[in-house]
Amino acid sequence: NILQYLQLEFPARLRELPSGTRILLFSDHGFVENPHFEKSDKYRLARYLHGEASPFEIIVPWAEVVKIQ
């Protein structure tokens, strides 16, 4: 859903903004994929685990976008 939004909706919304507008995009921290997960375990094991003290948990991805035209 996020990729579809970024491809279809986000560019149209950016076009509506005045030149020089700054937008800060950020994301929630991540999770790590469970290395023991099998499709047959779908209802027994979690596919993703809490990131613990990993970079996925500590670093919050972000980007600043500036409309130049």
PDB file of N, CA and C in Angstrom:
ATOM      1  N   ASN A   1       0.809  -1.194   0.000  1.00  0.00           N
ATOM      2  CA  ASN A   1       0.000   0.000   0.000  1.00  0.00           C
ATOM      3  C   ASN A   1       0.855   1.262   0.000  1.00  0.00           C
ATOM      4  N   ILE A   2       1.951   1.235   0.724  1.00  0.00           N
ATOM      5  CA  ILE A   2       2.810   2.422   0.792  1.00  0.00           C
ATOM      6  C   ILE A   2       3.428   2.708  -0.565  1.00  0.00           C
ATOM      7  N   LEU A   3       3.935   1.684  -1.221  1.00  0.00           N
ATOM      8  CA  LEU A   3       4.543   1.874  -2.535  1.00  0.00           C
ATOM      9  C   LEU A   3       3.516   2.400  -3.536  1.00  0.00           C
ATOM     10  N   GLN A   4       2.322   1.859  -3.501  1.00  0.00           N
ATOM     11  CA  GLN A   4       1.264   2.317  -4.403  1.00  0.00           C
ATOM     12  C   GLN A   4       0.927   3.791  -4.129  1.00  0.00           C
ATOM     13  N   TYR A   5       0.834   4.171  -2.877  1.00  0.00           N
ATOM     14  CA  TYR A   5       0.566   5.565  -2.528  1.00  0.00           C
ATOM     15  C   TYR A   5       1.671   6.467  -3.069  1.00  0.00           C
ATOM     16  N   LEU A   6       2.927   6.073  -2.848  1.00  0.00           N
ATOM     17  CA  LEU A   6       4.044   6.901  -3.297  1.00  0.00           C
ATOM     18  C   LEU A   6       4.076   7.044  -4.809  1.00  0.00           C
ATOM     19  N   GLN A   7       3.666   6.025  -5.530  1.00  0.00           N
ATOM     20  CA  GLN A   7       3.672   6.076  -6.996  1.00  0.00           C
ATOM     21  C   GLN A   7       2.476   6.847  -7.551  1.00  0.00           C
ATOM     22  N   LEU A   8       1.312   6.687  -6.962  1.00  0.00           N
ATOM     23  CA  LEU A   8       0.097   7.241  -7.541  1.00  0.00           C
ATOM     24  C   LEU A   8      -0.381   8.540  -6.901  1.00  0.00           C
ATOM     25  N   GLU A   9      -0.318   8.639  -5.596  1.00  0.00           N
ATOM     26  CA  GLU A   9      -0.909   9.771  -4.891  1.00  0.00           C
ATOM     27  C   GLU A   9       0.098  10.867  -4.519  1.00  0.00           C
ATOM     28  N   PHE A  10       1.256  10.480  -4.071  1.00  0.00           N
ATOM     29  CA  PHE A  10       2.215  11.444  -3.547  1.00  0.00           C
ATOM     30  C   PHE A  10       2.639  12.490  -4.579  1.00  0.00           C
ATOM     31  N   PRO A  11       3.002  12.101  -5.807  1.00  0.00           N
ATOM     32  CA  PRO A  11       3.397  13.118  -6.794  1.00  0.00           C
ATOM     33  C   PRO A  11       2.291  14.144  -7.066  1.00  0.00           C
ATOM     34  N   ALA A  12       1.045  13.699  -7.132  1.00  0.00           N
ATOM     35  CA  ALA A  12      -0.064  14.627  -7.367  1.00  0.00           C
ATOM     36  C   ALA A  12      -0.195  15.609  -6.213  1.00  0.00           C
ATOM     37  N   ARG A  13      -0.017  15.145  -4.999  1.00  0.00           N
ATOM     38  CA  ARG A  13      -0.106  16.039  -3.835  1.00  0.00           C
ATOM     39  C   ARG A  13       1.056  17.021  -3.807  1.00  0.00           C
ATOM     40  N   LEU A  14       2.248  16.580  -4.222  1.00  0.00           N
ATOM     41  CA  LEU A  14       3.391  17.488  -4.269  1.00  0.00           C
ATOM     42  C   LEU A  14       3.171  18.600  -5.288  1.00  0.00           C
ATOM     43  N   ARG A  15       2.564  18.277  -6.413  1.00  0.00           N
ATOM     44  CA  ARG A  15       2.316  19.282  -7.452  1.00  0.00           C
ATOM     45  C   ARG A  15       1.418  20.417  -6.938  1.00  0.00           C
ATOM     46  N   GLU A  16       0.564  20.144  -5.980  1.00  0.00           N
ATOM     47  CA  GLU A  16      -0.354  21.146  -5.439  1.00  0.00           C
ATOM     48  C   GLU A  16       0.333  22.127  -4.496  1.00  0.00           C
ATOM     49  N   LEU A  17       1.524  21.795  -4.019  1.00  0.00           N
ATOM     50  CA  LEU A  17       2.215  22.637  -3.034  1.00  0.00           C
ATOM     51  C   LEU A  17       2.970  23.777  -3.714  1.00  0.00           C
ATOM     52  N   PRO A  18       3.100  24.917  -3.034  1.00  0.00           N
ATOM     53  CA  PRO A  18       3.875  26.021  -3.606  1.00  0.00           C
ATOM     54  C   PRO A  18       5.369  25.703  -3.620  1.00  0.00           C
ATOM     55  N   SER A  19       6.086  26.351  -4.527  1.00  0.00           N
ATOM     56  CA  SER A  19       7.532  26.171  -4.637  1.00  0.00           C
ATOM     57  C   SER A  19       8.197  26.535  -3.308  1.00  0.00           C
ATOM     58  N   GLY A  20       9.217  25.791  -2.933  1.00  0.00           N
ATOM     59  CA  GLY A  20       9.949  26.033  -1.699  1.00  0.00           C
ATOM     60  C   GLY A  20       9.392  25.309  -0.486  1.00  0.00           C
ATOM     61  N   THR A  21       8.281  24.616  -0.657  1.00  0.00           N
ATOM     62  CA  THR A  21       7.697  23.872   0.456  1.00  0.00           C
ATOM     63  C   THR A  21       8.643  22.751   0.874  1.00  0.00           C
ATOM     64  N   ARG A  22       8.841  22.622   2.172  1.00  0.00           N
ATOM     65  CA  ARG A  22       9.685  21.553   2.719  1.00  0.00           C
ATOM     66  C   ARG A  22       8.782  20.514   3.383  1.00  0.00           C
ATOM     67  N   ILE A  23       9.081  19.261   3.115  1.00  0.00           N
ATOM     68  CA  ILE A  23       8.325  18.158   3.711  1.00  0.00           C
ATOM     69  C   ILE A  23       9.317  17.224   4.370  1.00  0.00           C
ATOM     70  N   LEU A  24       9.029  16.833   5.590  1.00  0.00           N
ATOM     71  CA  LEU A  24       9.859  15.873   6.304  1.00  0.00           C
ATOM     72  C   LEU A  24       9.131  14.535   6.307  1.00  0.00           C
ATOM     73  N   LEU A  25       9.750  13.536   5.716  1.00  0.00           N
ATOM     74  CA  LEU A  25       9.194  12.189   5.683  1.00  0.00           C
ATOM     75  C   LEU A  25       9.960  11.334   6.682  1.00  0.00           C
ATOM     76  N   PHE A  26       9.242  10.559   7.469  1.00  0.00           N
ATOM     77  CA  PHE A  26       9.921   9.681   8.407  1.00  0.00           C
ATOM     78  C   PHE A  26       9.121   8.404   8.571  1.00  0.00           C
ATOM     79  N   SER A  27       9.745   7.441   9.166  1.00  0.00           N
ATOM     80  CA  SER A  27       9.153   6.122   9.295  1.00  0.00           C
ATOM     81  C   SER A  27       9.296   5.627  10.724  1.00  0.00           C
ATOM     82  N   ASP A  28       8.442   4.706  11.076  1.00  0.00           N
ATOM     83  CA  ASP A  28       8.574   4.040  12.361  1.00  0.00           C
ATOM     84  C   ASP A  28       9.804   3.135  12.306  1.00  0.00           C
ATOM     85  N   HIS A  29      10.310   2.779  13.461  1.00  0.00           N
ATOM     86  CA  HIS A  29      11.432   1.847  13.492  1.00  0.00           C
ATOM     87  C   HIS A  29      11.002   0.509  12.907  1.00  0.00           C
ATOM     88  N   GLY A  30      11.955  -0.276  12.570  1.00  0.00           N
ATOM     89  CA  GLY A  30      11.647  -1.518  11.888  1.00  0.00           C
ATOM     90  C   GLY A  30      11.604  -2.738  12.768  1.00  0.00           C
ATOM     91  N   PHE A  31      11.345  -3.818  12.143  1.00  0.00           N
ATOM     92  CA  PHE A  31      11.367  -5.126  12.765  1.00  0.00           C
ATOM     93  C   PHE A  31      12.343  -5.975  11.965  1.00  0.00           C
ATOM     94  N   VAL A  32      12.753  -7.083  12.507  1.00  0.00           N
ATOM     95  CA  VAL A  32      13.621  -7.998  11.782  1.00  0.00           C
ATOM     96  C   VAL A  32      12.817  -9.238  11.413  1.00  0.00           C
ATOM     97  N   GLU A  33      13.149  -9.801  10.265  1.00  0.00           N
ATOM     98  CA  GLU A  33      12.446 -10.996   9.826  1.00  0.00           C
ATOM     99  C   GLU A  33      12.919 -12.191  10.643  1.00  0.00           C
ATOM    100  N   ASN A  34      11.978 -13.000  11.083  1.00  0.00           N
ATOM    101  CA  ASN A  34      12.273 -14.190  11.869  1.00  0.00           C
ATOM    102  C   ASN A  34      12.956 -15.214  10.958  1.00  0.00           C
ATOM    103  N   PRO A  35      14.231 -15.555  11.221  1.00  0.00           N
ATOM    104  CA  PRO A  35      14.943 -16.490  10.340  1.00  0.00           C
ATOM    105  C   PRO A  35      14.385 -17.913  10.400  1.00  0.00           C
ATOM    106  N   HIS A  36      13.584 -18.218  11.415  1.00  0.00           N
ATOM    107  CA  HIS A  36      13.030 -19.564  11.567  1.00  0.00           C
ATOM    108  C   HIS A  36      11.615 -19.688  11.005  1.00  0.00           C
ATOM    109  N   PHE A  37      11.084 -18.589  10.450  1.00  0.00           N
ATOM    110  CA  PHE A  37       9.710 -18.602   9.955  1.00  0.00           C
ATOM    111  C   PHE A  37       9.606 -19.379   8.646  1.00  0.00           C
ATOM    112  N   GLU A  38       8.634 -20.246   8.572  1.00  0.00           N
ATOM    113  CA  GLU A  38       8.291 -20.982   7.346  1.00  0.00           C
ATOM    114  C   GLU A  38       6.833 -20.688   7.054  1.00  0.00           C
ATOM    115  N   LYS A  39       6.459 -20.697   5.795  1.00  0.00           N
ATOM    116  CA  LYS A  39       5.057 -20.426   5.447  1.00  0.00           C
ATOM    117  C   LYS A  39       4.102 -21.368   6.161  1.00  0.00           C
ATOM    118  N   SER A  40       4.523 -22.582   6.395  1.00  0.00           N
ATOM    119  CA  SER A  40       3.658 -23.542   7.088  1.00  0.00           C
ATOM    120  C   SER A  40       3.468 -23.167   8.567  1.00  0.00           C
ATOM    121  N   ASP A  41       4.323 -22.273   9.097  1.00  0.00           N
ATOM    122  CA  ASP A  41       4.232 -21.826  10.494  1.00  0.00           C
ATOM    123  C   ASP A  41       3.382 -20.568  10.642  1.00  0.00           C
ATOM    124  N   LYS A  42       2.653 -20.200   9.598  1.00  0.00           N
ATOM    125  CA  LYS A  42       1.943 -18.932   9.547  1.00  0.00           C
ATOM    126  C   LYS A  42       1.158 -18.619  10.814  1.00  0.00           C
ATOM    127  N   TYR A  43       0.532 -19.591  11.405  1.00  0.00           N
ATOM    128  CA  TYR A  43      -0.306 -19.342  12.582  1.00  0.00           C
ATOM    129  C   TYR A  43       0.370 -19.740  13.893  1.00  0.00           C
ATOM    130  N   ARG A  44       1.630 -20.208  13.815  1.00  0.00           N
ATOM    131  CA  ARG A  44       2.344 -20.618  15.030  1.00  0.00           C
ATOM    132  C   ARG A  44       3.456 -19.645  15.410  1.00  0.00           C
ATOM    133  N   LEU A  45       4.164 -19.133  14.422  1.00  0.00           N
ATOM    134  CA  LEU A  45       5.305 -18.244  14.672  1.00  0.00           C
ATOM    135  C   LEU A  45       5.085 -16.888  14.020  1.00  0.00           C
ATOM    136  N   ALA A  46       5.657 -15.870  14.618  1.00  0.00           N
ATOM    137  CA  ALA A  46       5.597 -14.534  14.024  1.00  0.00           C
ATOM    138  C   ALA A  46       6.604 -14.438  12.887  1.00  0.00           C
ATOM    139  N   ARG A  47       6.201 -13.821  11.797  1.00  0.00           N
ATOM    140  CA  ARG A  47       7.122 -13.637  10.672  1.00  0.00           C
ATOM    141  C   ARG A  47       8.163 -12.558  10.979  1.00  0.00           C
ATOM    142  N   TYR A  48       7.766 -11.542  11.744  1.00  0.00           N
ATOM    143  CA  TYR A  48       8.672 -10.448  12.092  1.00  0.00           C
ATOM    144  C   TYR A  48       8.798 -10.351  13.604  1.00  0.00           C
ATOM    145  N   LEU A  49       9.994 -10.007  14.061  1.00  0.00           N
ATOM    146  CA  LEU A  49      10.284  -9.895  15.482  1.00  0.00           C
ATOM    147  C   LEU A  49      10.657  -8.458  15.816  1.00  0.00           C
ATOM    148  N   HIS A  50      10.550  -8.097  17.073  1.00  0.00           N
ATOM    149  CA  HIS A  50      10.961  -6.770  17.528  1.00  0.00           C
ATOM    150  C   HIS A  50      12.438  -6.582  17.209  1.00  0.00           C
ATOM    151  N   GLY A  51      12.831  -5.390  16.813  1.00  0.00           N
ATOM    152  CA  GLY A  51      14.196  -5.126  16.366  1.00  0.00           C
ATOM    153  C   GLY A  51      15.255  -5.160  17.442  1.00  0.00           C
ATOM    154  N   GLU A  52      14.868  -5.156  18.714  1.00  0.00           N
ATOM    155  CA  GLU A  52      15.788  -5.158  19.851  1.00  0.00           C
ATOM    156  C   GLU A  52      16.791  -4.021  19.739  1.00  0.00           C
ATOM    157  N   ALA A  53      18.042  -4.229  20.067  1.00  0.00           N
ATOM    158  CA  ALA A  53      19.053  -3.168  20.034  1.00  0.00           C
ATOM    159  C   ALA A  53      19.798  -3.162  18.704  1.00  0.00           C
ATOM    160  N   SER A  54      19.074  -3.339  17.628  1.00  0.00           N
ATOM    161  CA  SER A  54      19.692  -3.362  16.302  1.00  0.00           C
ATOM    162  C   SER A  54      19.524  -1.998  15.645  1.00  0.00           C
ATOM    163  N   PRO A  55      20.265  -1.724  14.580  1.00  0.00           N
ATOM    164  CA  PRO A  55      20.069  -0.460  13.844  1.00  0.00           C
ATOM    165  C   PRO A  55      18.619  -0.294  13.361  1.00  0.00           C
ATOM    166  N   PHE A  56      17.939  -1.413  13.074  1.00  0.00           N
ATOM    167  CA  PHE A  56      16.552  -1.345  12.627  1.00  0.00           C
ATOM    168  C   PHE A  56      15.656  -0.729  13.702  1.00  0.00           C
ATOM    169  N   GLU A  57      16.017  -0.914  14.951  1.00  0.00           N
ATOM    170  CA  GLU A  57      15.213  -0.414  16.069  1.00  0.00           C
ATOM    171  C   GLU A  57      15.635   0.993  16.494  1.00  0.00           C
ATOM    172  N   ILE A  58      16.904   1.291  16.388  1.00  0.00           N
ATOM    173  CA  ILE A  58      17.449   2.526  16.935  1.00  0.00           C
ATOM    174  C   ILE A  58      17.385   3.688  15.941  1.00  0.00           C
ATOM    175  N   ILE A  59      17.696   3.437  14.674  1.00  0.00           N
ATOM    176  CA  ILE A  59      17.761   4.493  13.668  1.00  0.00           C
ATOM    177  C   ILE A  59      16.387   4.690  13.032  1.00  0.00           C
ATOM    178  N   VAL A  60      15.898   5.922  13.077  1.00  0.00           N
ATOM    179  CA  VAL A  60      14.613   6.244  12.448  1.00  0.00           C
ATOM    180  C   VAL A  60      14.905   6.813  11.062  1.00  0.00           C
ATOM    181  N   PRO A  61      14.489   6.115  10.002  1.00  0.00           N
ATOM    182  CA  PRO A  61      14.737   6.629   8.654  1.00  0.00           C
ATOM    183  C   PRO A  61      13.939   7.902   8.399  1.00  0.00           C
ATOM    184  N   TRP A  62      14.568   8.878   7.757  1.00  0.00           N
ATOM    185  CA  TRP A  62      13.873  10.111   7.425  1.00  0.00           C
ATOM    186  C   TRP A  62      14.488  10.730   6.180  1.00  0.00           C
ATOM    187  N   ALA A  63      13.750  11.628   5.563  1.00  0.00           N
ATOM    188  CA  ALA A  63      14.222  12.366   4.403  1.00  0.00           C
ATOM    189  C   ALA A  63      13.504  13.703   4.353  1.00  0.00           C
ATOM    190  N   GLU A  64      14.214  14.724   3.887  1.00  0.00           N
ATOM    191  CA  GLU A  64      13.586  16.024   3.681  1.00  0.00           C
ATOM    192  C   GLU A  64      13.428  16.224   2.178  1.00  0.00           C
ATOM    193  N   VAL A  65      12.233  16.597   1.770  1.00  0.00           N
ATOM    194  CA  VAL A  65      11.930  16.832   0.361  1.00  0.00           C
ATOM    195  C   VAL A  65      11.593  18.312   0.223  1.00  0.00           C
ATOM    196  N   VAL A  66      12.202  18.971  -0.774  1.00  0.00           N
ATOM    197  CA  VAL A  66      11.924  20.379  -1.029  1.00  0.00           C
ATOM    198  C   VAL A  66      11.432  20.508  -2.460  1.00  0.00           C
ATOM    199  N   LYS A  67      10.285  21.126  -2.627  1.00  0.00           N
ATOM    200  CA  LYS A  67       9.750  21.344  -3.974  1.00  0.00           C
ATOM    201  C   LYS A  67      10.489  22.541  -4.569  1.00  0.00           C
ATOM    202  N   ILE A  68      11.126  22.353  -5.735  1.00  0.00           N
ATOM    203  CA  ILE A  68      11.931  23.424  -6.314  1.00  0.00           C
ATOM    204  C   ILE A  68      11.243  24.126  -7.482  1.00  0.00           C
ATOM    205  N   GLN A  69      10.177  23.586  -7.982  1.00  0.00           N
ATOM    206  CA  GLN A  69       9.462  24.240  -9.079  1.00  0.00           C
ATOM    207  C   GLN A  69       8.019  24.425  -8.740  1.00  0.00           C
TER     208      GLN A  69
END
